[in-house]
Amino acid sequence: MKLNPGDVLLVTKEASVQFTEPMSFRLIKVVTDWITYDGWLWLDGYQLDAKGTATAKRRIFVQRTGLRVLTAAVSDGRIRPPQRHP
């Protein structure tokens, strides 16, 4: 899974044990200048409330396999609405 600035991610305990309560997180960037364990990432972004409003800027350390993209950003940085399934 490729992560892009503007993606809204669901961060849960599957990503890291510190996230016992699920958190929506709008990605600013994947921090690539820090060495981490295989499969782990440092991410810069905004913690979002239930309305999608940024409430805090954060840097989090998570496992890539535990992340889920809720809303993907399009290549020009705009937010693409989630796919609706009947």
PDB file of N, CA and C in Angstrom:
ATOM      1  N   MET A   1       0.844  -1.174   0.000  1.00  0.00           N
ATOM      2  CA  MET A   1       0.000   0.000   0.000  1.00  0.00           C
ATOM      3  C   MET A   1       0.891   1.240   0.000  1.00  0.00           C
ATOM      4  N   LYS A   2       0.648   2.130  -0.951  1.00  0.00           N
ATOM      5  CA  LYS A   2       1.383   3.392  -1.010  1.00  0.00           C
ATOM      6  C   LYS A   2       0.599   4.443  -0.246  1.00  0.00           C
ATOM      7  N   LEU A   3       1.267   5.138   0.629  1.00  0.00           N
ATOM      8  CA  LEU A   3       0.648   6.201   1.408  1.00  0.00           C
ATOM      9  C   LEU A   3       0.986   7.538   0.774  1.00  0.00           C
ATOM     10  N   ASN A   4      -0.024   8.397   0.642  1.00  0.00           N
ATOM     11  CA  ASN A   4       0.155   9.697   0.007  1.00  0.00           C
ATOM     12  C   ASN A   4      -0.325  10.813   0.922  1.00  0.00           C
ATOM     13  N   PRO A   5       0.322  11.985   0.836  1.00  0.00           N
ATOM     14  CA  PRO A   5      -0.157  13.129   1.610  1.00  0.00           C
ATOM     15  C   PRO A   5      -1.633  13.377   1.307  1.00  0.00           C
ATOM     16  N   GLY A   6      -2.402  13.609   2.369  1.00  0.00           N
ATOM     17  CA  GLY A   6      -3.833  13.833   2.226  1.00  0.00           C
ATOM     18  C   GLY A   6      -4.668  12.600   2.492  1.00  0.00           C
ATOM     19  N   ASP A   7      -4.044  11.411   2.460  1.00  0.00           N
ATOM     20  CA  ASP A   7      -4.781  10.193   2.797  1.00  0.00           C
ATOM     21  C   ASP A   7      -5.298  10.297   4.227  1.00  0.00           C
ATOM     22  N   VAL A   8      -6.510   9.821   4.455  1.00  0.00           N
ATOM     23  CA  VAL A   8      -7.044   9.720   5.812  1.00  0.00           C
ATOM     24  C   VAL A   8      -6.975   8.252   6.199  1.00  0.00           C
ATOM     25  N   LEU A   9      -6.248   7.982   7.271  1.00  0.00           N
ATOM     26  CA  LEU A   9      -5.979   6.621   7.719  1.00  0.00           C
ATOM     27  C   LEU A   9      -6.753   6.309   8.992  1.00  0.00           C
ATOM     28  N   LEU A  10      -7.105   5.054   9.152  1.00  0.00           N
ATOM     29  CA  LEU A  10      -7.629   4.566  10.421  1.00  0.00           C
ATOM     30  C   LEU A  10      -6.465   3.903  11.140  1.00  0.00           C
ATOM     31  N   VAL A  11      -6.144   4.421  12.312  1.00  0.00           N
ATOM     32  CA  VAL A  11      -5.033   3.906  13.114  1.00  0.00           C
ATOM     33  C   VAL A  11      -5.628   3.208  14.328  1.00  0.00           C
ATOM     34  N   THR A  12      -5.346   1.922  14.469  1.00  0.00           N
ATOM     35  CA  THR A  12      -5.881   1.124  15.574  1.00  0.00           C
ATOM     36  C   THR A  12      -4.739   0.382  16.262  1.00  0.00           C
ATOM     37  N   LYS A  13      -5.097  -0.449  17.239  1.00  0.00           N
ATOM     38  CA  LYS A  13      -4.068  -1.211  17.953  1.00  0.00           C
ATOM     39  C   LYS A  13      -3.340  -2.190  17.039  1.00  0.00           C
ATOM     40  N   GLU A  14      -3.902  -2.505  15.860  1.00  0.00           N
ATOM     41  CA  GLU A  14      -3.197  -3.350  14.910  1.00  0.00           C
ATOM     42  C   GLU A  14      -1.979  -2.628  14.335  1.00  0.00           C
ATOM     43  N   ALA A  15      -2.019  -1.295  14.341  1.00  0.00           N
ATOM     44  CA  ALA A  15      -0.886  -0.494  13.873  1.00  0.00           C
ATOM     45  C   ALA A  15       0.152  -0.307  14.976  1.00  0.00           C
ATOM     46  N   SER A  16      -0.314  -0.177  16.213  1.00  0.00           N
ATOM     47  CA  SER A  16       0.570  -0.040  17.371  1.00  0.00           C
ATOM     48  C   SER A  16      -0.267  -0.169  18.634  1.00  0.00           C
ATOM     49  N   VAL A  17       0.272  -0.826  19.641  1.00  0.00           N
ATOM     50  CA  VAL A  17      -0.487  -1.078  20.869  1.00  0.00           C
ATOM     51  C   VAL A  17      -0.918   0.194  21.591  1.00  0.00           C
ATOM     52  N   GLN A  18      -0.263   1.313  21.301  1.00  0.00           N
ATOM     53  CA  GLN A  18      -0.637   2.567  21.973  1.00  0.00           C
ATOM     54  C   GLN A  18      -2.004   3.084  21.539  1.00  0.00           C
ATOM     55  N   PHE A  19      -2.520   2.598  20.402  1.00  0.00           N
ATOM     56  CA  PHE A  19      -3.789   3.094  19.875  1.00  0.00           C
ATOM     57  C   PHE A  19      -4.922   2.142  20.254  1.00  0.00           C
ATOM     58  N   THR A  20      -5.248   2.120  21.540  1.00  0.00           N
ATOM     59  CA  THR A  20      -6.332   1.250  22.012  1.00  0.00           C
ATOM     60  C   THR A  20      -7.683   1.761  21.540  1.00  0.00           C
ATOM     61  N   GLU A  21      -7.793   3.058  21.322  1.00  0.00           N
ATOM     62  CA  GLU A  21      -8.981   3.669  20.737  1.00  0.00           C
ATOM     63  C   GLU A  21      -8.653   4.026  19.289  1.00  0.00           C
ATOM     64  N   PRO A  22      -9.476   3.615  18.323  1.00  0.00           N
ATOM     65  CA  PRO A  22      -9.204   3.952  16.918  1.00  0.00           C
ATOM     66  C   PRO A  22      -9.104   5.465  16.714  1.00  0.00           C
ATOM     67  N   MET A  23      -8.229   5.866  15.786  1.00  0.00           N
ATOM     68  CA  MET A  23      -8.006   7.283  15.514  1.00  0.00           C
ATOM     69  C   MET A  23      -7.978   7.500  14.008  1.00  0.00           C
ATOM     70  N   SER A  24      -8.684   8.533  13.552  1.00  0.00           N
ATOM     71  CA  SER A  24      -8.559   8.966  12.161  1.00  0.00           C
ATOM     72  C   SER A  24      -7.379   9.924  12.090  1.00  0.00           C
ATOM     73  N   PHE A  25      -6.581   9.792  11.026  1.00  0.00           N
ATOM     74  CA  PHE A  25      -5.316  10.518  10.922  1.00  0.00           C
ATOM     75  C   PHE A  25      -5.116  10.949   9.477  1.00  0.00           C
ATOM     76  N   ARG A  26      -5.028  12.275   9.242  1.00  0.00           N
ATOM     77  CA  ARG A  26      -4.755  12.788   7.890  1.00  0.00           C
ATOM     78  C   ARG A  26      -3.245  12.913   7.720  1.00  0.00           C
ATOM     79  N   LEU A  27      -2.722  12.186   6.759  1.00  0.00           N
ATOM     80  CA  LEU A  27      -1.283  12.113   6.537  1.00  0.00           C
ATOM     81  C   LEU A  27      -0.728  13.382   5.899  1.00  0.00           C
ATOM     82  N   ILE A  28       0.319  13.917   6.505  1.00  0.00           N
ATOM     83  CA  ILE A  28       1.097  14.999   5.903  1.00  0.00           C
ATOM     84  C   ILE A  28       2.237  14.379   5.112  1.00  0.00           C
ATOM     85  N   LYS A  29       3.010  13.493   5.787  1.00  0.00           N
ATOM     86  CA  LYS A  29       4.126  12.838   5.097  1.00  0.00           C
ATOM     87  C   LYS A  29       4.584  11.611   5.869  1.00  0.00           C
ATOM     88  N   VAL A  30       5.215  10.715   5.133  1.00  0.00           N
ATOM     89  CA  VAL A  30       5.924   9.585   5.724  1.00  0.00           C
ATOM     90  C   VAL A  30       7.340  10.077   5.990  1.00  0.00           C
ATOM     91  N   VAL A  31       7.791   9.971   7.223  1.00  0.00           N
ATOM     92  CA  VAL A  31       9.133  10.427   7.596  1.00  0.00           C
ATOM     93  C   VAL A  31      10.125   9.367   7.119  1.00  0.00           C
ATOM     94  N   THR A  32      10.967   9.724   6.149  1.00  0.00           N
ATOM     95  CA  THR A  32      11.883   8.752   5.550  1.00  0.00           C
ATOM     96  C   THR A  32      13.332   8.929   5.988  1.00  0.00           C
ATOM     97  N   ASP A  33      13.625   9.981   6.730  1.00  0.00           N
ATOM     98  CA  ASP A  33      15.011  10.214   7.118  1.00  0.00           C
ATOM     99  C   ASP A  33      15.376   9.599   8.474  1.00  0.00           C
ATOM    100  N   TRP A  34      14.465   8.836   9.059  1.00  0.00           N
ATOM    101  CA  TRP A  34      14.743   8.130  10.305  1.00  0.00           C
ATOM    102  C   TRP A  34      14.782   6.634  10.020  1.00  0.00           C
ATOM    103  N   ILE A  35      15.736   5.942  10.596  1.00  0.00           N
ATOM    104  CA  ILE A  35      15.836   4.495  10.444  1.00  0.00           C
ATOM    105  C   ILE A  35      14.872   3.835  11.434  1.00  0.00           C
ATOM    106  N   THR A  36      14.084   2.873  10.941  1.00  0.00           N
ATOM    107  CA  THR A  36      13.124   2.184  11.797  1.00  0.00           C
ATOM    108  C   THR A  36      13.248   0.680  11.618  1.00  0.00           C
ATOM    109  N   TYR A  37      12.478  -0.055  12.387  1.00  0.00           N
ATOM    110  CA  TYR A  37      12.404  -1.496  12.229  1.00  0.00           C
ATOM    111  C   TYR A  37      11.667  -1.815  10.939  1.00  0.00           C
ATOM    112  N   ASP A  38      11.958  -2.972  10.359  1.00  0.00           N
ATOM    113  CA  ASP A  38      11.316  -3.399   9.128  1.00  0.00           C
ATOM    114  C   ASP A  38       9.799  -3.442   9.313  1.00  0.00           C
ATOM    115  N   GLY A  39       9.071  -2.778   8.413  1.00  0.00           N
ATOM    116  CA  GLY A  39       7.618  -2.772   8.471  1.00  0.00           C
ATOM    117  C   GLY A  39       7.020  -1.659   9.323  1.00  0.00           C
ATOM    118  N   TRP A  40       7.859  -0.882  10.001  1.00  0.00           N
ATOM    119  CA  TRP A  40       7.387   0.216  10.846  1.00  0.00           C
ATOM    120  C   TRP A  40       7.667   1.548  10.164  1.00  0.00           C
ATOM    121  N   LEU A  41       6.811   2.548  10.435  1.00  0.00           N
ATOM    122  CA  LEU A  41       6.919   3.869   9.824  1.00  0.00           C
ATOM    123  C   LEU A  41       6.699   4.969  10.845  1.00  0.00           C
ATOM    124  N   TRP A  42       7.366   6.085  10.631  1.00  0.00           N
ATOM    125  CA  TRP A  42       7.030   7.319  11.332  1.00  0.00           C
ATOM    126  C   TRP A  42       6.174   8.132  10.378  1.00  0.00           C
ATOM    127  N   LEU A  43       5.027   8.618  10.856  1.00  0.00           N
ATOM    128  CA  LEU A  43       4.116   9.411  10.043  1.00  0.00           C
ATOM    129  C   LEU A  43       3.856  10.755  10.715  1.00  0.00           C
ATOM    130  N   ASP A  44       3.858  11.821   9.915  1.00  0.00           N
ATOM    131  CA  ASP A  44       3.442  13.141  10.373  1.00  0.00           C
ATOM    132  C   ASP A  44       2.044  13.395   9.843  1.00  0.00           C
ATOM    133  N   GLY A  45       1.189  13.946  10.688  1.00  0.00           N
ATOM    134  CA  GLY A  45      -0.164  14.228  10.233  1.00  0.00           C
ATOM    135  C   GLY A  45      -1.003  14.858  11.314  1.00  0.00           C
ATOM    136  N   TYR A  46      -2.303  14.863  11.057  1.00  0.00           N
ATOM    137  CA  TYR A  46      -3.267  15.467  11.971  1.00  0.00           C
ATOM    138  C   TYR A  46      -4.241  14.426  12.490  1.00  0.00           C
ATOM    139  N   GLN A  47      -4.436  14.414  13.790  1.00  0.00           N
ATOM    140  CA  GLN A  47      -5.488  13.606  14.396  1.00  0.00           C
ATOM    141  C   GLN A  47      -6.808  14.298  14.088  1.00  0.00           C
ATOM    142  N   LEU A  48      -7.815  13.531  13.661  1.00  0.00           N
ATOM    143  CA  LEU A  48      -9.103  14.092  13.264  1.00  0.00           C
ATOM    144  C   LEU A  48     -10.196  13.695  14.248  1.00  0.00           C
ATOM    145  N   ASP A  49     -11.167  14.596  14.425  1.00  0.00           N
ATOM    146  CA  ASP A  49     -12.324  14.252  15.244  1.00  0.00           C
ATOM    147  C   ASP A  49     -13.372  13.572  14.363  1.00  0.00           C
ATOM    148  N   ALA A  50     -14.538  13.283  14.913  1.00  0.00           N
ATOM    149  CA  ALA A  50     -15.587  12.564  14.189  1.00  0.00           C
ATOM    150  C   ALA A  50     -16.098  13.338  12.975  1.00  0.00           C
ATOM    151  N   LYS A  51     -15.941  14.663  12.965  1.00  0.00           N
ATOM    152  CA  LYS A  51     -16.372  15.486  11.833  1.00  0.00           C
ATOM    153  C   LYS A  51     -15.288  15.622  10.762  1.00  0.00           C
ATOM    154  N   GLY A  52     -14.086  15.093  11.045  1.00  0.00           N
ATOM    155  CA  GLY A  52     -12.977  15.206  10.099  1.00  0.00           C
ATOM    156  C   GLY A  52     -12.149  16.462  10.277  1.00  0.00           C
ATOM    157  N   THR A  53     -12.360  17.158  11.391  1.00  0.00           N
ATOM    158  CA  THR A  53     -11.614  18.374  11.692  1.00  0.00           C
ATOM    159  C   THR A  53     -10.330  18.012  12.437  1.00  0.00           C
ATOM    160  N   ALA A  54      -9.227  18.625  12.017  1.00  0.00           N
ATOM    161  CA  ALA A  54      -7.947  18.375  12.680  1.00  0.00           C
ATOM    162  C   ALA A  54      -7.988  18.928  14.098  1.00  0.00           C
ATOM    163  N   THR A  55      -7.601  18.090  15.061  1.00  0.00           N
ATOM    164  CA  THR A  55      -7.596  18.518  16.461  1.00  0.00           C
ATOM    165  C   THR A  55      -6.195  18.590  17.041  1.00  0.00           C
ATOM    166  N   ALA A  56      -5.229  17.906  16.412  1.00  0.00           N
ATOM    167  CA  ALA A  56      -3.860  17.931  16.916  1.00  0.00           C
ATOM    168  C   ALA A  56      -2.908  17.479  15.816  1.00  0.00           C
ATOM    169  N   LYS A  57      -1.754  18.129  15.746  1.00  0.00           N
ATOM    170  CA  LYS A  57      -0.700  17.679  14.839  1.00  0.00           C
ATOM    171  C   LYS A  57       0.135  16.657  15.599  1.00  0.00           C
ATOM    172  N   ARG A  58       0.413  15.501  14.945  1.00  0.00           N
ATOM    173  CA  ARG A  58       1.113  14.420  15.648  1.00  0.00           C
ATOM    174  C   ARG A  58       2.145  13.767  14.749  1.00  0.00           C
ATOM    175  N   ARG A  59       3.129  13.152  15.374  1.00  0.00           N
ATOM    176  CA  ARG A  59       4.067  12.237  14.709  1.00  0.00           C
ATOM    177  C   ARG A  59       3.865  10.893  15.391  1.00  0.00           C
ATOM    178  N   ILE A  60       3.512   9.865  14.602  1.00  0.00           N
ATOM    179  CA  ILE A  60       3.207   8.561  15.183  1.00  0.00           C
ATOM    180  C   ILE A  60       4.112   7.487  14.578  1.00  0.00           C
ATOM    181  N   PHE A  61       4.339   6.424  15.349  1.00  0.00           N
ATOM    182  CA  PHE A  61       5.178   5.293  14.954  1.00  0.00           C
ATOM    183  C   PHE A  61       4.266   4.077  14.859  1.00  0.00           C
ATOM    184  N   VAL A  62       4.109   3.534  13.646  1.00  0.00           N
ATOM    185  CA  VAL A  62       3.116   2.488  13.407  1.00  0.00           C
ATOM    186  C   VAL A  62       3.646   1.414  12.466  1.00  0.00           C
ATOM    187  N   GLN A  63       2.970   0.269  12.486  1.00  0.00           N
ATOM    188  CA  GLN A  63       3.242  -0.792  11.525  1.00  0.00           C
ATOM    189  C   GLN A  63       2.392  -0.552  10.278  1.00  0.00           C
ATOM    190  N   ARG A  64       3.019  -0.592   9.121  1.00  0.00           N
ATOM    191  CA  ARG A  64       2.312  -0.349   7.860  1.00  0.00           C
ATOM    192  C   ARG A  64       1.132  -1.309   7.691  1.00  0.00           C
ATOM    193  N   THR A  65       1.318  -2.578   8.069  1.00  0.00           N
ATOM    194  CA  THR A  65       0.263  -3.574   7.860  1.00  0.00           C
ATOM    195  C   THR A  65      -0.976  -3.319   8.710  1.00  0.00           C
ATOM    196  N   GLY A  66      -0.851  -2.522   9.765  1.00  0.00           N
ATOM    197  CA  GLY A  66      -1.988  -2.242  10.635  1.00  0.00           C
ATOM    198  C   GLY A  66      -2.799  -1.024  10.236  1.00  0.00           C
ATOM    199  N   LEU A  67      -2.373  -0.323   9.179  1.00  0.00           N
ATOM    200  CA  LEU A  67      -3.072   0.883   8.743  1.00  0.00           C
ATOM    201  C   LEU A  67      -4.152   0.553   7.726  1.00  0.00           C
ATOM    202  N   ARG A  68      -5.225   1.325   7.756  1.00  0.00           N
ATOM    203  CA  ARG A  68      -6.281   1.202   6.743  1.00  0.00           C
ATOM    204  C   ARG A  68      -6.591   2.583   6.187  1.00  0.00           C
ATOM    205  N   VAL A  69      -6.609   2.706   4.858  1.00  0.00           N
ATOM    206  CA  VAL A  69      -6.934   3.985   4.230  1.00  0.00           C
ATOM    207  C   VAL A  69      -8.451   4.147   4.211  1.00  0.00           C
ATOM    208  N   LEU A  70      -8.937   5.205   4.866  1.00  0.00           N
ATOM    209  CA  LEU A  70     -10.371   5.503   4.869  1.00  0.00           C
ATOM    210  C   LEU A  70     -10.752   6.330   3.648  1.00  0.00           C
ATOM    211  N   THR A  71      -9.929   7.329   3.349  1.00  0.00           N
ATOM    212  CA  THR A  71     -10.146   8.200   2.198  1.00  0.00           C
ATOM    213  C   THR A  71      -8.791   8.470   1.569  1.00  0.00           C
ATOM    214  N   ALA A  72      -8.667   8.182   0.280  1.00  0.00           N
ATOM    215  CA  ALA A  72      -7.401   8.396  -0.420  1.00  0.00           C
ATOM    216  C   ALA A  72      -7.397   9.770  -1.073  1.00  0.00           C
ATOM    217  N   ALA A  73      -6.248  10.431  -1.050  1.00  0.00           N
ATOM    218  CA  ALA A  73      -6.090  11.709  -1.741  1.00  0.00           C
ATOM    219  C   ALA A  73      -5.801  11.424  -3.211  1.00  0.00           C
ATOM    220  N   VAL A  74      -6.248  12.316  -4.082  1.00  0.00           N
ATOM    221  CA  VAL A  74      -5.902  12.181  -5.498  1.00  0.00           C
ATOM    222  C   VAL A  74      -4.545  12.818  -5.718  1.00  0.00           C
ATOM    223  N   SER A  75      -3.951  12.586  -6.865  1.00  0.00           N
ATOM    224  CA  SER A  75      -2.565  12.981  -7.105  1.00  0.00           C
ATOM    225  C   SER A  75      -2.314  14.483  -6.983  1.00  0.00           C
ATOM    226  N   ASP A  76      -3.335  15.318  -7.189  1.00  0.00           N
ATOM    227  CA  ASP A  76      -3.114  16.764  -7.087  1.00  0.00           C
ATOM    228  C   ASP A  76      -3.315  17.283  -5.660  1.00  0.00           C
ATOM    229  N   GLY A  77      -3.492  16.373  -4.691  1.00  0.00           N
ATOM    230  CA  GLY A  77      -3.602  16.754  -3.297  1.00  0.00           C
ATOM    231  C   GLY A  77      -5.027  16.934  -2.807  1.00  0.00           C
ATOM    232  N   ARG A  78      -6.008  16.918  -3.727  1.00  0.00           N
ATOM    233  CA  ARG A  78      -7.405  17.029  -3.300  1.00  0.00           C
ATOM    234  C   ARG A  78      -7.843  15.721  -2.657  1.00  0.00           C
ATOM    235  N   ILE A  79      -8.862  15.774  -1.856  1.00  0.00           N
ATOM    236  CA  ILE A  79      -9.394  14.581  -1.202  1.00  0.00           C
ATOM    237  C   ILE A  79     -10.443  13.953  -2.106  1.00  0.00           C
ATOM    238  N   ARG A  80     -10.317  12.655  -2.330  1.00  0.00           N
ATOM    239  CA  ARG A  80     -11.295  11.915  -3.119  1.00  0.00           C
ATOM    240  C   ARG A  80     -12.302  11.308  -2.156  1.00  0.00           C
ATOM    241  N   PRO A  81     -13.606  11.469  -2.419  1.00  0.00           N
ATOM    242  CA  PRO A  81     -14.595  10.881  -1.509  1.00  0.00           C
ATOM    243  C   PRO A  81     -14.477   9.370  -1.460  1.00  0.00           C
ATOM    244  N   PRO A  82     -14.861   8.757  -0.336  1.00  0.00           N
ATOM    245  CA  PRO A  82     -14.755   7.309  -0.226  1.00  0.00           C
ATOM    246  C   PRO A  82     -15.665   6.621  -1.232  1.00  0.00           C
ATOM    247  N   GLN A  83     -15.271   5.443  -1.663  1.00  0.00           N
ATOM    248  CA  GLN A  83     -16.097   4.639  -2.567  1.00  0.00           C
ATOM    249  C   GLN A  83     -17.325   4.170  -1.817  1.00  0.00           C
ATOM    250  N   ARG A  84     -18.472   4.270  -2.440  1.00  0.00           N
ATOM    251  CA  ARG A  84     -19.712   3.800  -1.822  1.00  0.00           C
ATOM    252  C   ARG A  84     -20.071   2.456  -2.447  1.00  0.00           C
ATOM    253  N   HIS A  85     -20.428   1.516  -1.616  1.00  0.00           N
ATOM    254  CA  HIS A  85     -20.821   0.178  -2.085  1.00  0.00           C
ATOM    255  C   HIS A  85     -22.263  -0.060  -1.671  1.00  0.00           C
ATOM    256  N   PRO A  86     -23.117  -0.416  -2.647  1.00  0.00           N
ATOM    257  CA  PRO A  86     -24.540  -0.642  -2.314  1.00  0.00           C
ATOM    258  C   PRO A  86     -24.755  -1.795  -1.386  1.00  0.00           C
TER     259      PRO A  86
END
